[in-house]
N, C-alpha and C. Protein backbone atom coordinates (compact mmCIF):
# COMPACT_ATOMS: atom_id res chain seq x y z
N GLN A 1 173.36 240.51 178.20
CA GLN A 1 173.39 239.24 178.85
C GLN A 1 173.28 237.98 177.62
N VAL A 2 173.58 237.26 177.53
CA VAL A 2 173.78 236.53 176.40
C VAL A 2 172.95 234.78 177.05
N GLN A 3 172.23 234.29 175.74
CA GLN A 3 171.82 232.92 176.22
C GLN A 3 172.18 231.84 174.75
N LEU A 4 172.05 231.11 174.96
CA LEU A 4 172.85 229.74 174.62
C LEU A 4 170.96 228.91 174.69
N VAL A 5 170.55 228.83 173.15
CA VAL A 5 169.55 228.08 172.92
C VAL A 5 169.21 226.90 172.22
N GLU A 6 169.34 225.71 172.70
CA GLU A 6 169.22 224.42 171.93
C GLU A 6 168.09 223.77 171.53
N SER A 7 168.24 223.12 170.49
CA SER A 7 166.62 222.54 170.33
C SER A 7 167.39 221.28 169.43
N GLY A 8 166.00 220.29 169.39
CA GLY A 8 166.07 219.26 168.18
C GLY A 8 166.81 217.75 168.51
N GLY A 9 166.67 217.65 169.87
CA GLY A 9 166.79 216.57 170.58
C GLY A 9 165.80 215.76 170.47
N GLY A 10 165.31 214.63 170.93
CA GLY A 10 164.26 213.76 170.99
C GLY A 10 164.70 212.27 170.88
N LEU A 11 163.67 211.53 170.79
CA LEU A 11 164.19 210.09 170.68
C LEU A 11 164.01 209.34 169.37
N VAL A 12 164.90 208.70 169.14
CA VAL A 12 165.29 207.97 167.82
C VAL A 12 165.57 206.46 168.13
N GLN A 13 165.46 205.57 167.11
CA GLN A 13 166.17 204.18 167.10
C GLN A 13 167.26 204.32 166.47
N ALA A 14 168.24 203.66 166.96
CA ALA A 14 169.17 203.11 166.43
C ALA A 14 169.72 202.86 165.35
N GLY A 15 170.21 203.62 164.53
CA GLY A 15 170.70 203.64 162.76
C GLY A 15 170.11 205.16 162.36
N GLY A 16 168.95 205.59 163.26
CA GLY A 16 168.80 207.08 162.99
C GLY A 16 169.45 208.14 163.20
N SER A 17 168.82 209.32 162.81
CA SER A 17 169.43 210.93 162.46
C SER A 17 168.71 211.74 163.59
N LEU A 18 169.39 212.78 164.29
CA LEU A 18 168.92 213.55 164.55
C LEU A 18 169.68 214.74 164.26
N ARG A 19 169.31 216.12 164.20
CA ARG A 19 169.70 217.59 164.35
C ARG A 19 169.14 218.20 164.70
N LEU A 20 170.54 218.24 165.73
CA LEU A 20 170.70 219.58 166.90
C LEU A 20 171.11 221.10 166.55
N SER A 21 170.43 222.30 167.13
CA SER A 21 170.86 223.21 167.10
C SER A 21 171.20 224.03 168.39
N CYS A 22 171.79 225.47 167.93
CA CYS A 22 171.84 225.89 169.29
C CYS A 22 172.52 227.54 168.75
N ALA A 23 171.85 228.35 169.18
CA ALA A 23 171.46 229.77 168.69
C ALA A 23 171.99 230.53 169.97
N ALA A 24 172.97 231.20 169.85
CA ALA A 24 173.40 232.55 170.92
C ALA A 24 172.91 233.80 170.48
N SER A 25 172.16 234.68 171.31
CA SER A 25 171.35 235.57 171.53
C SER A 25 171.93 236.39 172.70
N GLY A 26 171.82 237.85 172.34
CA GLY A 26 172.35 238.76 173.41
C GLY A 26 173.08 239.87 172.38
N SER A 27 173.89 240.33 173.92
CA SER A 27 174.81 241.36 173.36
C SER A 27 175.92 241.08 173.51
N ILE A 28 175.95 240.79 171.66
CA ILE A 28 177.23 239.91 171.66
C ILE A 28 178.46 240.37 170.56
N PHE A 29 179.62 240.29 171.19
CA PHE A 29 180.20 241.38 170.07
C PHE A 29 181.60 240.60 168.98
N SER A 30 181.28 238.90 169.40
CA SER A 30 182.11 238.32 168.56
C SER A 30 181.72 236.77 169.44
N ILE A 31 182.08 235.83 168.61
CA ILE A 31 181.59 234.33 169.05
C ILE A 31 183.35 233.80 168.73
N ASN A 32 184.30 232.99 169.13
CA ASN A 32 185.03 232.30 168.77
C ASN A 32 184.82 230.96 168.28
N ALA A 33 185.26 229.87 169.32
CA ALA A 33 184.93 228.24 169.31
C ALA A 33 183.22 228.05 169.98
N MET A 34 182.72 227.56 169.10
CA MET A 34 181.70 226.91 169.72
C MET A 34 181.92 225.44 169.30
N GLY A 35 180.59 224.86 170.49
CA GLY A 35 181.02 223.39 170.09
C GLY A 35 179.45 222.66 171.42
N TRP A 36 179.99 221.10 171.10
CA TRP A 36 178.90 220.26 171.78
C TRP A 36 179.64 219.53 172.52
N TYR A 37 178.85 219.42 173.70
CA TYR A 37 179.64 218.57 174.84
C TYR A 37 178.77 217.72 175.61
N ARG A 38 179.28 216.81 176.05
CA ARG A 38 178.24 215.62 176.78
C ARG A 38 178.51 215.29 177.76
N ARG A 39 177.94 214.63 178.76
CA ARG A 39 178.73 214.05 180.36
C ARG A 39 178.71 212.52 180.15
N VAL A 40 179.81 212.67 181.08
CA VAL A 40 180.43 210.92 180.45
C VAL A 40 181.13 210.38 182.43
N PRO A 41 180.97 209.41 182.45
CA PRO A 41 181.17 208.80 183.90
C PRO A 41 182.47 209.52 184.29
N GLY A 42 183.01 209.96 185.26
CA GLY A 42 183.99 209.97 185.59
C GLY A 42 184.47 211.76 185.30
N LYS A 43 184.14 212.31 184.32
CA LYS A 43 184.32 213.57 183.63
C LYS A 43 183.16 214.64 183.91
N GLN A 44 183.44 215.82 183.91
CA GLN A 44 182.43 216.79 183.90
C GLN A 44 181.27 216.70 182.68
N ARG A 45 182.09 217.04 181.80
CA ARG A 45 181.78 216.35 180.31
C ARG A 45 182.57 216.60 179.29
N GLU A 46 182.12 215.76 178.22
CA GLU A 46 183.53 215.97 176.97
C GLU A 46 182.73 216.43 175.55
N LEU A 47 183.94 216.90 175.02
CA LEU A 47 183.78 217.68 174.06
C LEU A 47 183.41 216.31 172.28
N VAL A 48 182.26 216.74 172.14
CA VAL A 48 181.70 215.81 171.21
C VAL A 48 182.42 216.24 169.54
N ALA A 49 181.94 217.35 169.69
CA ALA A 49 182.61 218.17 168.22
C ALA A 49 182.57 219.51 168.75
N GLY A 50 183.61 220.57 168.00
CA GLY A 50 183.90 221.78 168.24
C GLY A 50 184.06 222.79 166.96
N ILE A 51 184.12 223.63 166.88
CA ILE A 51 184.14 224.25 165.66
C ILE A 51 184.33 225.84 165.99
N ILE A 52 185.58 226.44 165.17
CA ILE A 52 185.88 227.84 165.66
C ILE A 52 185.55 228.83 164.67
N SER A 53 185.39 230.04 164.72
CA SER A 53 184.95 231.20 163.41
C SER A 53 185.54 230.85 162.15
N GLY A 54 186.73 230.49 162.09
CA GLY A 54 187.24 230.07 160.61
C GLY A 54 186.63 228.64 160.12
N GLY A 55 185.90 228.32 160.87
CA GLY A 55 185.32 227.02 160.30
C GLY A 55 186.14 225.36 160.61
N THR A 56 187.32 225.59 161.18
CA THR A 56 188.01 224.49 161.75
C THR A 56 187.09 223.58 162.94
N THR A 57 187.24 222.09 162.25
CA THR A 57 186.33 221.25 163.33
C THR A 57 187.12 220.33 163.87
N THR A 58 186.92 219.93 165.19
CA THR A 58 187.18 218.75 165.62
C THR A 58 186.27 218.08 166.49
N TYR A 59 186.55 216.33 166.35
CA TYR A 59 185.81 216.03 166.67
C TYR A 59 186.27 214.92 167.70
N ALA A 60 185.45 214.29 168.71
CA ALA A 60 185.60 213.19 169.57
C ALA A 60 185.30 211.58 168.92
N ASP A 61 186.43 210.97 169.00
CA ASP A 61 186.78 209.68 168.00
C ASP A 61 185.12 208.97 168.17
N SER A 62 184.50 208.98 169.02
CA SER A 62 183.54 208.26 168.86
C SER A 62 182.11 209.01 167.96
N ALA A 63 182.44 210.13 167.77
CA ALA A 63 181.90 210.64 166.83
C ALA A 63 182.02 210.82 165.50
N LYS A 64 183.47 210.93 165.25
CA LYS A 64 183.91 210.82 163.55
C LYS A 64 183.30 210.06 162.49
N GLY A 65 183.08 210.67 161.68
CA GLY A 65 182.27 209.96 160.72
C GLY A 65 180.86 209.40 160.34
N ARG A 66 180.46 210.14 161.86
CA ARG A 66 178.94 210.15 162.15
C ARG A 66 178.41 211.48 162.38
N PHE A 67 178.68 212.15 162.83
CA PHE A 67 178.55 213.19 163.45
C PHE A 67 179.41 214.57 162.60
N THR A 68 178.79 215.46 161.88
CA THR A 68 179.05 216.50 161.39
C THR A 68 178.43 217.96 162.51
N ILE A 69 179.48 218.95 162.78
CA ILE A 69 179.33 220.19 162.92
C ILE A 69 179.12 221.38 162.39
N SER A 70 178.87 222.31 162.32
CA SER A 70 178.34 223.23 161.02
C SER A 70 177.71 224.28 161.80
N ARG A 71 178.51 225.84 161.11
CA ARG A 71 178.04 227.22 161.99
C ARG A 71 177.70 227.65 161.13
N ASP A 72 176.92 228.79 161.24
CA ASP A 72 176.27 230.03 160.33
C ASP A 72 176.61 231.22 161.35
N ASN A 73 177.57 231.48 161.09
CA ASN A 73 178.37 232.78 161.74
C ASN A 73 177.04 234.27 161.63
N ALA A 74 176.51 234.07 160.65
CA ALA A 74 175.66 235.60 160.36
C ALA A 74 174.41 234.95 161.26
N LYS A 75 174.23 233.98 161.64
CA LYS A 75 172.70 233.75 162.67
C LYS A 75 173.69 233.64 164.25
N ASN A 76 174.88 233.24 164.63
CA ASN A 76 175.47 233.17 165.65
C ASN A 76 174.53 231.83 165.94
N THR A 77 174.83 230.67 165.38
CA THR A 77 173.79 229.43 165.30
C THR A 77 175.38 228.25 165.10
N ILE A 78 174.79 227.11 165.72
CA ILE A 78 176.09 225.79 165.27
C ILE A 78 174.79 224.58 165.37
N TYR A 79 174.92 223.68 164.16
CA TYR A 79 174.29 222.59 164.55
C TYR A 79 175.23 221.41 164.43
N LEU A 80 174.49 220.26 164.53
CA LEU A 80 174.84 218.95 165.08
C LEU A 80 174.34 217.96 164.27
N GLN A 81 174.94 217.63 163.14
CA GLN A 81 173.87 216.37 162.19
C GLN A 81 174.54 215.31 163.09
N MET A 82 173.53 214.62 163.31
CA MET A 82 174.04 213.12 164.15
C MET A 82 173.17 211.88 163.28
N ASN A 83 174.23 211.39 162.12
CA ASN A 83 173.86 210.03 162.33
C ASN A 83 174.22 208.88 162.57
N SER A 84 173.23 208.00 161.96
CA SER A 84 174.00 206.28 162.50
C SER A 84 174.40 206.25 163.95
N LEU A 85 172.83 206.73 164.76
CA LEU A 85 173.37 207.08 166.34
C LEU A 85 173.16 205.29 166.92
N LYS A 86 173.91 205.37 167.83
CA LYS A 86 173.95 204.33 168.44
C LYS A 86 173.02 204.47 170.23
N PRO A 87 172.71 203.50 170.57
CA PRO A 87 172.10 203.70 171.97
C PRO A 87 173.33 204.11 173.12
N GLU A 88 174.76 204.11 173.06
CA GLU A 88 175.65 204.81 173.44
C GLU A 88 175.54 205.98 173.44
N ASP A 89 174.67 206.53 172.32
CA ASP A 89 175.07 208.08 172.30
C ASP A 89 173.76 209.16 172.90
N THR A 90 173.25 208.14 173.75
CA THR A 90 172.02 208.37 174.62
C THR A 90 172.86 209.29 175.96
N ASN A 91 172.27 210.97 175.85
CA ASN A 91 172.76 211.67 176.65
C ASN A 91 171.85 212.86 176.68
N VAL A 92 172.48 214.18 177.38
CA VAL A 92 172.32 215.06 177.57
C VAL A 92 173.33 216.06 176.51
N TYR A 93 172.85 216.49 175.88
CA TYR A 93 173.61 217.25 174.98
C TYR A 93 174.03 218.87 175.35
N TYR A 94 174.37 219.44 175.53
CA TYR A 94 175.22 221.24 175.99
C TYR A 94 175.76 221.76 174.93
N CYS A 95 175.45 223.02 174.41
CA CYS A 95 176.08 223.66 173.78
C CYS A 95 176.66 224.37 174.55
N ASN A 96 178.10 224.96 173.83
CA ASN A 96 179.04 225.90 174.51
C ASN A 96 179.53 226.83 173.70
N ALA A 97 180.05 228.20 174.25
CA ALA A 97 180.46 229.39 173.22
C ALA A 97 181.29 229.99 173.80
N HIS A 98 182.33 230.42 173.12
CA HIS A 98 183.11 231.37 173.79
C HIS A 98 183.05 232.61 173.05
N ILE A 99 182.50 233.37 174.03
CA ILE A 99 181.89 234.94 173.90
C ILE A 99 182.63 236.09 174.25
N ARG A 100 182.46 237.12 173.38
CA ARG A 100 182.70 238.49 173.94
C ARG A 100 181.91 239.18 173.91
N THR A 101 181.27 239.81 174.94
CA THR A 101 180.36 240.92 174.79
C THR A 101 180.87 242.22 174.47
N ARG A 102 179.20 242.81 174.31
CA ARG A 102 179.84 244.37 173.89
C ARG A 102 180.30 245.34 174.68
N ASP A 103 179.29 244.62 176.07
CA ASP A 103 179.90 245.28 177.51
C ASP A 103 181.79 245.05 177.49
N SER A 104 181.87 244.14 177.32
CA SER A 104 183.40 243.40 177.86
C SER A 104 184.26 243.19 176.38
N PRO A 105 184.37 243.44 175.39
CA PRO A 105 184.85 243.09 174.11
C PRO A 105 186.29 242.20 174.35
N TRP A 106 187.12 242.91 175.69
CA TRP A 106 188.21 242.52 175.61
C TRP A 106 188.29 241.17 176.28
N LYS A 107 187.17 240.63 176.71
CA LYS A 107 187.21 239.35 177.76
C LYS A 107 186.20 238.37 176.87
N GLU A 108 187.35 237.21 177.22
CA GLU A 108 186.36 235.87 176.28
C GLU A 108 185.67 235.14 177.26
N THR A 109 184.41 234.76 177.63
CA THR A 109 183.68 234.40 178.95
C THR A 109 182.97 232.75 178.13
N ASP A 110 183.31 231.86 178.54
CA ASP A 110 182.19 230.83 178.43
C ASP A 110 180.77 230.54 178.96
N TYR A 111 179.78 230.51 177.65
CA TYR A 111 178.95 229.96 178.27
C TYR A 111 178.21 228.89 177.98
N TRP A 112 176.93 228.71 178.81
CA TRP A 112 176.36 227.27 178.20
C TRP A 112 174.92 227.37 177.97
N GLY A 113 174.95 226.06 177.01
CA GLY A 113 173.16 226.15 177.10
C GLY A 113 172.48 225.17 178.29
N GLN A 114 171.03 225.04 178.27
CA GLN A 114 170.80 224.23 178.84
C GLN A 114 170.33 222.71 179.00
N GLY A 115 171.03 222.58 177.53
CA GLY A 115 171.00 220.99 177.45
C GLY A 115 169.87 220.46 176.65
N THR A 116 169.94 219.06 175.84
CA THR A 116 169.42 219.06 175.11
C THR A 116 169.06 217.39 175.04
N GLN A 117 167.86 216.76 175.59
CA GLN A 117 168.45 214.95 175.37
C GLN A 117 168.02 214.69 174.21
N VAL A 118 169.25 213.79 173.69
CA VAL A 118 169.17 212.66 173.03
C VAL A 118 168.53 211.12 173.78
N THR A 119 167.81 210.73 172.97
CA THR A 119 167.78 209.18 173.43
C THR A 119 168.00 208.59 172.19
N VAL A 120 168.82 207.59 172.36
CA VAL A 120 168.72 206.05 171.17
C VAL A 120 168.48 205.24 171.74
N SER A 121 166.65 204.43 171.02
CA SER A 121 166.71 203.10 171.62
C SER A 121 167.06 202.06 171.06
N SER A 122 167.59 201.19 171.26
CA SER A 122 168.22 199.55 170.38
C SER A 122 166.70 199.47 169.76
């Protein structure tokens, strides 16, 4: 069984910063891509920032220059440093990971965290 546990959300004023963390635990064989998503009208969730095991990153246009995703492979953990936050960043942020478990190392499965609320006041 695999779990993703997020932390670090909260309430911050516009222009402030938050750092989100997501730790994967359980019977993990390997983790490929990990990322942060949020809900947008008309879509299920959009990618905010993603990172693969080798360290290559990708960002939504709205996150570029303000957010930084990083990864600690030894801890199966990713972080999202969010700077210069805006009220429109208010959302629930979900962690996602593509994981191969020890029971099924040939199969990559999507796992999701429960979400962490980020609220930015103007």
